Amino acid sequence: MDDEKEIEQSRVLRIVTENTKHGISFFNKDLVLVACNHRFAELLQFPSKFCQPGTLMRDLFYFNAQRGEYGPGDIDEQVSQRLKLAKEFSPHKFERVRPDGMIIEIIGTPVEEGFVSTYTDITELRKAQRDLVEAEKMASLGSLVGGVAHEINTPLGICVTAVSYFQTQIAEIGALFRSGELNEEHLTSFLSTAEQSAKLLETNMNRAAMLVKSFKQVAVDQTSEEKRTINLQKYLEEILVSLNPKLKKTKIEVILDIPDELSMETYPGSLAQIATNLIMNSLIHGFEGKSNLNGTIQISAQHQDEGIRIEYKDTGKGMGPDVLDKIFEPFFTTNRDSGGTGLGLHIVYNIITQKLAGTIECESTAGRGTKFVFSIPCQDFGSQS
């Protein structure tokens, strides 16, 4: 009876493993294949002869290396490195991008008899995540466009009013001149009006030009992948100008504590995205979006070994451990009811760790604010003339 149950259990197990979307393999401690399902062979495109019990992991590695799965390099060295890691029998999780573009997530779990691994095609998942992240970036840029356009309307409106008033004064002084009634008092008054109008026009046109310049640079950088050398203090000031429509509605003071001479070669658009997302995160979550809440945001930076160390901190409400542990996870948000996507800090994490090859850490205590510290390697940094 026990044998019948065991046979039935084996049959059910085979049905389950052969009908799952995940590839499954089991290697013993000698790195010999004990069992696998058809999905394993399908995902990794192994010939059937390599998916039979008794196949050596070494042979699978060589087959992959010879067909370019591991990229350029010495094949023996590629196989040797992978065998060395396999012999550690430690848990692991990583993603492999196959030559055809398929992304496979591989999770290895050590068991008493050997090693069980699962293989999952996450190509569409990663594409959907990239699309969502890109949509979030464009939404952020769209919000920036709307805010700056509104901000530019103010100085331009003043200019239109000043020009209209000045035209009225010109018409009046012209009428007095043609009638022969123009006197010194009229002329003195007109010159005073002309001087005031010119100053008003100059001030507000410069203001509009500065807004356009700042916005143009930040907007171009956010859609560009090019590196260039920037003065960090000046560039962050430009970002703050572009964020002023959001900041001026609050009582939050942003303080920059950065050496005037500190410059770095980097991707400016990435820094703009980081600063924008962190500041908006503080406004929405740290200060709960309350326009009457006083507080400060401080950004400081300094040289560190062969790179830059940047510290961002706010005096907002902070976070408890349950939230802090998840803040960099995609789609995690405490503000979903108000339209939060949970992608802001995930984007920051990805930019810093992947695009800029840096590191980021977050410290926070409920009621005591939040601090982000990130380090960015940079070969070209120093003073900028």
Protein backbone atom coordinates (compact mmCIF):
# COMPACT_ATOMS: atom_id res chain seq x y z
CA MET A 1 0.00 0.00 0.00
CA ASP A 2 2.84 2.33 0.86
CA ASP A 3 4.46 1.56 -2.51
CA GLU A 4 1.23 2.50 -4.31
CA LYS A 5 1.06 5.81 -2.43
CA GLU A 6 4.67 6.53 -3.29
CA ILE A 7 4.05 5.75 -6.95
CA GLU A 8 0.98 7.99 -6.96
CA GLN A 9 2.86 10.82 -5.29
CA SER A 10 5.66 10.52 -7.87
CA ARG A 11 3.11 10.61 -10.68
CA VAL A 12 1.46 13.75 -9.26
CA LEU A 13 4.85 15.38 -8.75
CA ARG A 14 5.77 14.68 -12.38
CA ILE A 15 2.47 16.18 -13.54
CA VAL A 16 3.10 19.32 -11.48
CA THR A 17 6.72 19.82 -12.56
CA GLU A 18 5.96 19.18 -16.24
CA ASN A 19 3.07 21.65 -16.29
CA THR A 20 4.62 24.61 -14.55
CA LYS A 21 5.89 27.70 -16.38
CA HIS A 22 9.16 27.45 -14.45
CA GLY A 23 12.13 25.39 -15.47
CA ILE A 24 13.36 23.10 -12.70
CA SER A 25 16.63 21.22 -12.31
CA PHE A 26 18.12 19.13 -9.52
CA PHE A 27 21.87 18.45 -9.35
CA ASN A 28 23.46 16.27 -6.68
CA LYS A 29 26.53 17.21 -4.66
CA ASP A 30 28.78 15.88 -7.40
CA LEU A 31 27.16 18.41 -9.77
CA VAL A 32 25.50 15.66 -11.78
CA LEU A 33 21.96 16.18 -13.11
CA VAL A 34 19.46 14.01 -11.25
CA ALA A 35 16.24 15.38 -12.77
CA CYS A 36 14.76 18.27 -14.71
CA ASN A 37 11.51 19.17 -16.45
CA HIS A 38 10.95 19.96 -20.12
CA ARG A 39 10.60 23.68 -19.38
CA PHE A 40 14.23 23.71 -18.19
CA ALA A 41 15.37 22.49 -21.61
CA GLU A 42 12.93 24.81 -23.40
CA LEU A 43 13.97 28.01 -21.61
CA LEU A 44 17.70 27.37 -21.84
CA GLN A 45 17.42 25.77 -25.29
CA PHE A 46 19.37 22.66 -24.37
CA PRO A 47 19.35 19.65 -26.71
CA SER A 48 17.55 16.65 -25.21
CA LYS A 49 20.82 14.75 -24.74
CA PHE A 50 21.90 17.36 -22.15
CA CYS A 51 18.70 16.97 -20.14
CA GLN A 52 19.11 13.31 -19.24
CA PRO A 53 19.98 12.15 -15.70
CA GLY A 54 23.72 11.74 -15.42
CA THR A 55 24.64 14.87 -17.39
CA LEU A 56 27.52 16.80 -15.81
CA MET A 57 26.99 20.43 -14.95
CA ARG A 58 30.42 21.02 -16.46
CA ASP A 59 29.13 19.85 -19.86
CA LEU A 60 26.18 22.24 -19.68
CA PHE A 61 28.48 25.12 -18.82
CA TYR A 62 30.78 24.30 -21.75
CA PHE A 63 27.82 24.05 -24.12
CA ASN A 64 26.62 27.50 -23.01
CA ALA A 65 30.07 29.06 -23.18
CA GLN A 66 30.73 27.71 -26.68
CA ARG A 67 27.52 29.19 -28.05
CA GLY A 68 28.24 32.61 -26.50
CA GLU A 69 25.80 32.57 -23.57
CA TYR A 70 28.42 34.03 -21.25
CA GLY A 71 29.68 36.67 -23.65
CA PRO A 72 33.25 37.10 -24.95
CA GLY A 73 36.18 35.67 -23.03
CA ASP A 74 38.17 32.50 -22.46
CA ILE A 75 35.77 29.53 -22.41
CA ASP A 76 37.78 27.45 -19.93
CA GLU A 77 37.95 30.42 -17.56
CA GLN A 78 34.20 31.06 -17.87
CA VAL A 79 33.40 27.43 -17.05
CA SER A 80 35.93 27.28 -14.23
CA GLN A 81 34.45 30.36 -12.52
CA ARG A 82 30.92 28.98 -12.70
CA LEU A 83 31.92 25.57 -11.39
CA LYS A 84 33.72 27.21 -8.49
CA LEU A 85 30.58 29.12 -7.54
CA ALA A 86 28.39 26.03 -7.96
CA LYS A 87 30.59 24.03 -5.59
CA GLU A 88 29.91 26.55 -2.83
CA PHE A 89 26.28 25.30 -2.71
CA SER A 90 25.10 28.66 -1.42
CA PRO A 91 21.66 30.18 -2.13
CA HIS A 92 21.64 32.56 -5.05
CA LYS A 93 19.33 34.62 -7.21
CA PHE A 94 20.32 36.42 -10.38
CA GLU A 95 19.14 37.32 -13.87
CA ARG A 96 20.74 36.20 -17.11
CA VAL A 97 20.12 37.95 -20.40
CA ARG A 98 20.35 35.41 -23.20
CA PRO A 99 21.76 36.37 -26.64
CA ASP A 100 18.22 36.47 -28.06
CA GLY A 101 17.20 39.07 -25.44
CA MET A 102 15.27 36.72 -23.17
CA ILE A 103 15.76 37.51 -19.47
CA ILE A 104 15.74 34.49 -17.19
CA GLU A 105 15.62 34.71 -13.42
CA ILE A 106 17.54 31.87 -11.81
CA ILE A 107 17.04 30.97 -8.17
CA GLY A 108 19.22 28.29 -6.60
CA THR A 109 18.35 26.59 -3.32
CA PRO A 110 20.73 24.13 -1.59
CA VAL A 111 19.13 20.96 -0.18
CA GLU A 112 20.62 18.05 1.73
CA GLU A 113 21.11 15.94 -1.40
CA GLY A 114 22.36 18.71 -3.68
CA PHE A 115 20.94 21.75 -5.38
CA VAL A 116 17.50 22.68 -6.76
CA SER A 117 17.25 25.56 -9.23
CA THR A 118 14.26 27.26 -10.84
CA TYR A 119 14.34 29.21 -14.11
CA THR A 120 11.67 31.80 -14.97
CA ASP A 121 11.21 33.87 -18.13
CA ILE A 122 10.79 37.45 -16.81
CA THR A 123 11.35 39.21 -20.14
CA GLU A 124 7.84 40.69 -20.33
CA LEU A 125 7.87 41.59 -16.63
CA ARG A 126 11.10 43.55 -17.00
CA LYS A 127 9.81 45.24 -20.17
CA ALA A 128 6.60 46.24 -18.38
CA GLN A 129 8.62 47.60 -15.46
CA ARG A 130 10.89 49.59 -17.82
CA ASP A 131 7.83 51.00 -19.57
CA LEU A 132 6.29 52.02 -16.25
CA VAL A 133 9.52 53.61 -15.08
CA GLU A 134 9.81 55.51 -18.38
CA ALA A 135 6.18 56.62 -18.07
CA GLU A 136 6.91 57.83 -14.54
CA LYS A 137 9.89 59.84 -15.82
CA MET A 138 7.79 61.41 -18.57
CA ALA A 139 4.99 62.19 -16.09
CA SER A 140 7.56 63.89 -13.87
CA LEU A 141 8.86 65.88 -16.83
CA GLY A 142 5.30 66.76 -17.85
CA SER A 143 4.58 68.08 -14.37
CA LEU A 144 7.78 70.10 -14.57
CA VAL A 145 6.73 71.58 -17.91
CA GLY A 146 3.34 72.64 -16.53
CA GLY A 147 4.85 74.18 -13.43
CA VAL A 148 7.53 76.12 -15.28
CA ALA A 149 5.05 77.33 -17.92
CA HIS A 150 2.87 78.70 -15.11
CA GLU A 151 5.92 80.27 -13.47
CA ILE A 152 7.02 81.97 -16.70
CA ASN A 153 3.55 83.47 -17.15
CA THR A 154 4.10 85.75 -14.12
CA PRO A 155 7.12 87.77 -15.36
CA LEU A 156 5.76 87.76 -18.91
CA GLY A 157 2.42 89.06 -17.64
CA ILE A 158 4.19 91.88 -15.82
CA CYS A 159 6.11 92.72 -19.00
CA VAL A 160 2.90 92.88 -21.04
CA THR A 161 1.31 95.17 -18.46
CA ALA A 162 4.41 97.41 -18.32
CA VAL A 163 4.58 97.71 -22.12
CA SER A 164 0.87 98.49 -22.35
CA TYR A 165 1.16 101.23 -19.72
CA PHE A 166 4.28 102.64 -21.38
CA GLN A 167 2.51 102.77 -24.74
CA THR A 168 -0.32 104.76 -23.11
CA GLN A 169 2.24 107.22 -21.70
CA ILE A 170 3.91 107.56 -25.13
CA ALA A 171 0.55 108.34 -26.71
CA GLU A 172 -0.18 110.99 -24.05
CA ILE A 173 3.23 112.65 -24.31
CA GLY A 174 2.91 112.59 -28.10
CA ALA A 175 -0.48 114.30 -27.96
CA LEU A 176 0.92 117.00 -25.63
CA PHE A 177 3.88 117.54 -27.97
CA ARG A 178 1.68 117.89 -31.08
CA SER A 179 -0.68 120.31 -29.31
CA GLY A 180 2.20 122.48 -28.09
CA GLU A 181 1.22 121.88 -24.46
CA LEU A 182 4.29 119.79 -23.55
CA ASN A 183 6.20 121.34 -20.65
CA GLU A 184 9.13 120.37 -18.43
CA GLU A 185 6.90 118.76 -15.80
CA HIS A 186 5.26 116.52 -18.41
CA LEU A 187 8.66 115.51 -19.83
CA THR A 188 10.17 114.82 -16.39
CA SER A 189 7.19 112.63 -15.47
CA PHE A 190 7.43 110.75 -18.77
CA LEU A 191 11.18 110.12 -18.38
CA SER A 192 10.57 108.78 -14.86
CA THR A 193 7.87 106.45 -16.19
CA ALA A 194 10.15 105.33 -19.03
CA GLU A 195 12.97 104.57 -16.60
CA GLN A 196 10.69 102.57 -14.25
CA SER A 197 9.15 100.66 -17.16
CA ALA A 198 12.58 99.81 -18.59
CA LYS A 199 13.78 98.49 -15.21
CA LEU A 200 10.56 96.48 -14.77
CA LEU A 201 10.92 95.00 -18.26
CA GLU A 202 14.60 94.17 -17.75
CA THR A 203 14.02 92.50 -14.37
CA ASN A 204 11.12 90.35 -15.54
CA MET A 205 12.57 89.45 -18.93
CA ASN A 206 15.76 88.31 -17.16
CA ARG A 207 13.61 86.32 -14.76
CA ALA A 208 11.76 84.63 -17.64
CA ALA A 209 15.03 83.98 -19.48
CA MET A 210 16.55 82.39 -16.37
CA LEU A 211 13.52 80.13 -15.95
CA VAL A 212 13.66 79.07 -19.59
CA LYS A 213 17.41 78.42 -19.41
CA SER A 214 17.14 76.36 -16.22
CA PHE A 215 14.17 74.40 -17.46
CA LYS A 216 15.72 73.80 -20.88
CA GLN A 217 18.92 72.42 -19.39
CA VAL A 218 17.16 70.18 -16.87
CA ALA A 219 14.61 68.98 -19.44
CA VAL A 220 17.28 68.24 -22.05
CA ASP A 221 19.41 66.44 -19.48
CA GLN A 222 16.50 64.26 -18.37
CA THR A 223 15.98 63.03 -21.93
CA SER A 224 19.68 62.70 -22.74
CA GLU A 225 22.16 59.92 -22.05
CA GLU A 226 25.26 62.08 -22.53
CA LYS A 227 27.95 62.68 -19.94
CA ARG A 228 29.32 66.15 -19.27
CA THR A 229 31.15 68.01 -16.54
CA ILE A 230 28.97 70.09 -14.23
CA ASN A 231 29.45 72.36 -11.25
CA LEU A 232 27.34 70.50 -8.71
CA GLN A 233 26.25 73.58 -6.73
CA LYS A 234 25.16 75.52 -9.82
CA TYR A 235 23.43 72.55 -11.39
CA LEU A 236 21.39 71.80 -8.27
CA GLU A 237 20.42 75.47 -8.14
CA GLU A 238 19.03 75.13 -11.68
CA ILE A 239 17.04 72.08 -10.61
CA LEU A 240 15.61 74.02 -7.67
CA VAL A 241 14.56 76.82 -10.02
CA SER A 242 12.65 74.29 -12.10
CA LEU A 243 11.03 72.90 -8.93
CA ASN A 244 10.15 76.33 -7.54
CA PRO A 245 6.48 76.11 -8.64
CA LYS A 246 6.15 73.15 -6.24
CA LEU A 247 8.39 74.48 -3.47
CA LYS A 248 6.93 78.00 -3.27
CA LYS A 249 3.57 76.55 -2.22
CA THR A 250 5.20 75.21 0.95
CA LYS A 251 7.18 76.54 3.88
CA ILE A 252 10.00 74.10 3.19
CA GLU A 253 13.48 75.62 2.91
CA VAL A 254 16.01 73.85 0.70
CA ILE A 255 19.62 74.35 1.79
CA LEU A 256 22.60 73.50 -0.42
CA ASP A 257 25.85 72.86 1.44
CA ILE A 258 28.24 72.17 -1.43
CA PRO A 259 31.72 73.58 -2.05
CA ASP A 260 31.62 76.20 -4.82
CA GLU A 261 34.44 74.52 -6.71
CA LEU A 262 33.02 70.98 -6.61
CA SER A 263 32.51 69.67 -10.15
CA MET A 264 32.13 66.21 -11.61
CA GLU A 265 31.77 64.42 -14.92
CA THR A 266 28.50 62.53 -14.83
CA TYR A 267 25.07 62.08 -16.40
CA PRO A 268 23.34 65.36 -15.41
CA GLY A 269 19.90 64.06 -16.34
CA SER A 270 20.31 61.21 -13.88
CA LEU A 271 21.24 63.65 -11.11
CA ALA A 272 18.23 65.80 -12.01
CA GLN A 273 15.95 62.76 -11.77
CA ILE A 274 17.45 61.79 -8.41
CA ALA A 275 17.12 65.29 -6.92
CA THR A 276 13.60 65.75 -8.29
CA ASN A 277 12.36 62.41 -7.00
CA LEU A 278 13.92 62.86 -3.55
CA ILE A 279 12.52 66.37 -3.13
CA MET A 280 9.06 65.34 -4.31
CA ASN A 281 9.22 62.31 -2.00
CA SER A 282 9.93 64.64 0.92
CA LEU A 283 7.10 67.01 -0.01
CA ILE A 284 4.55 64.24 -0.52
CA HIS A 285 5.55 61.83 2.23
CA GLY A 286 7.99 63.52 4.63
CA PHE A 287 5.90 66.67 5.00
CA GLU A 288 2.60 65.02 3.99
CA GLY A 289 1.99 67.61 1.26
CA LYS A 290 0.95 70.22 3.85
CA SER A 291 1.68 73.73 2.60
CA ASN A 292 1.66 75.15 6.14
CA LEU A 293 4.24 72.73 7.54
CA ASN A 294 7.65 74.24 8.26
CA GLY A 295 10.74 72.20 7.58
CA THR A 296 14.06 71.96 5.82
CA ILE A 297 15.68 69.86 3.14
CA GLN A 298 19.47 69.90 3.12
CA ILE A 299 21.72 68.59 0.36
CA SER A 300 25.44 68.42 1.03
CA ALA A 301 28.33 66.94 -0.94
CA GLN A 302 32.04 66.35 -0.66
CA HIS A 303 34.94 64.54 -2.31
CA GLN A 304 35.33 60.92 -1.27
CA ASP A 305 38.22 58.77 -2.47
CA GLU A 306 37.67 58.66 -6.24
CA GLY A 307 34.13 59.97 -6.24
CA ILE A 308 31.49 62.14 -4.65
CA ARG A 309 29.53 61.54 -1.46
CA ILE A 310 26.13 63.23 -1.40
CA GLU A 311 23.89 63.45 1.64
CA TYR A 312 20.22 64.35 1.38
CA LYS A 313 18.13 64.80 4.52
CA ASP A 314 14.80 66.30 5.49
CA THR A 315 13.15 67.16 8.79
CA GLY A 316 9.90 65.42 7.87
CA LYS A 317 7.97 62.79 9.75
CA GLY A 318 10.42 59.98 9.00
CA MET A 319 9.60 56.29 8.67
CA GLY A 320 9.25 53.24 10.85
CA PRO A 321 11.24 50.02 10.20
CA ASP A 322 8.32 48.39 8.37
CA VAL A 323 8.32 51.13 5.72
CA LEU A 324 12.09 51.72 5.67
CA ASP A 325 12.77 48.10 4.70
CA LYS A 326 10.63 48.41 1.55
CA ILE A 327 11.18 51.94 0.24
CA PHE A 328 13.33 50.91 -2.74
CA GLU A 329 10.98 48.12 -3.83
CA PRO A 330 9.10 48.81 -7.08
CA PHE A 331 5.42 49.76 -6.62
CA PHE A 332 5.68 50.04 -2.83
CA THR A 333 3.94 53.22 -1.67
CA THR A 334 2.11 54.51 1.38
CA ASN A 335 0.28 57.03 -0.80
CA ARG A 336 -1.55 54.81 -3.31
CA ASP A 337 -4.96 56.32 -2.44
CA SER A 338 -3.67 59.69 -3.64
CA GLY A 339 -2.20 58.36 -6.86
CA GLY A 340 1.27 57.29 -5.72
CA THR A 341 2.93 54.73 -8.01
CA GLY A 342 5.71 53.52 -5.72
CA LEU A 343 8.30 54.04 -8.46
CA GLY A 344 9.99 57.27 -7.35
CA LEU A 345 12.57 55.82 -4.96
CA HIS A 346 12.87 52.65 -7.03
CA ILE A 347 13.98 54.86 -9.94
CA VAL A 348 16.46 56.65 -7.65
CA TYR A 349 17.89 53.31 -6.49
CA ASN A 350 18.25 51.98 -10.03
CA ILE A 351 19.87 55.16 -11.36
CA ILE A 352 22.43 55.28 -8.55
CA THR A 353 23.31 51.58 -8.42
CA GLN A 354 23.12 50.81 -12.15
CA LYS A 355 23.49 53.94 -14.29
CA LEU A 356 25.98 55.68 -11.98
CA ALA A 357 27.52 52.48 -10.51
CA GLY A 358 27.17 53.90 -6.99
CA THR A 359 25.61 52.94 -3.68
CA ILE A 360 22.73 54.37 -1.66
CA GLU A 361 21.62 53.93 1.93
CA CYS A 362 18.65 55.34 3.82
CA GLU A 363 18.38 56.12 7.51
CA SER A 364 15.12 57.16 9.12
CA THR A 365 13.28 57.16 12.41
CA ALA A 366 9.60 57.92 12.82
CA GLY A 367 9.20 61.54 13.86
CA ARG A 368 12.87 62.42 13.23
CA GLY A 369 13.24 62.88 9.50
CA THR A 370 14.92 60.88 6.75
CA LYS A 371 18.46 60.80 5.37
CA PHE A 372 19.76 59.34 2.11
CA VAL A 373 23.49 58.91 1.61
CA PHE A 374 24.83 57.94 -1.77
CA SER A 375 28.31 57.63 -3.19
CA ILE A 376 29.02 58.03 -6.89
CA PRO A 377 32.37 56.98 -8.37
CA CYS A 378 33.77 59.68 -10.60
CA GLN A 379 37.19 59.88 -12.26
CA ASP A 380 36.98 63.54 -13.23
CA PHE A 381 36.17 65.79 -10.31
CA GLY A 382 37.60 68.97 -8.86
CA SER A 383 37.37 72.65 -9.67
CA GLN A 384 35.58 73.92 -12.73
CA SER A 385 36.47 77.25 -14.30
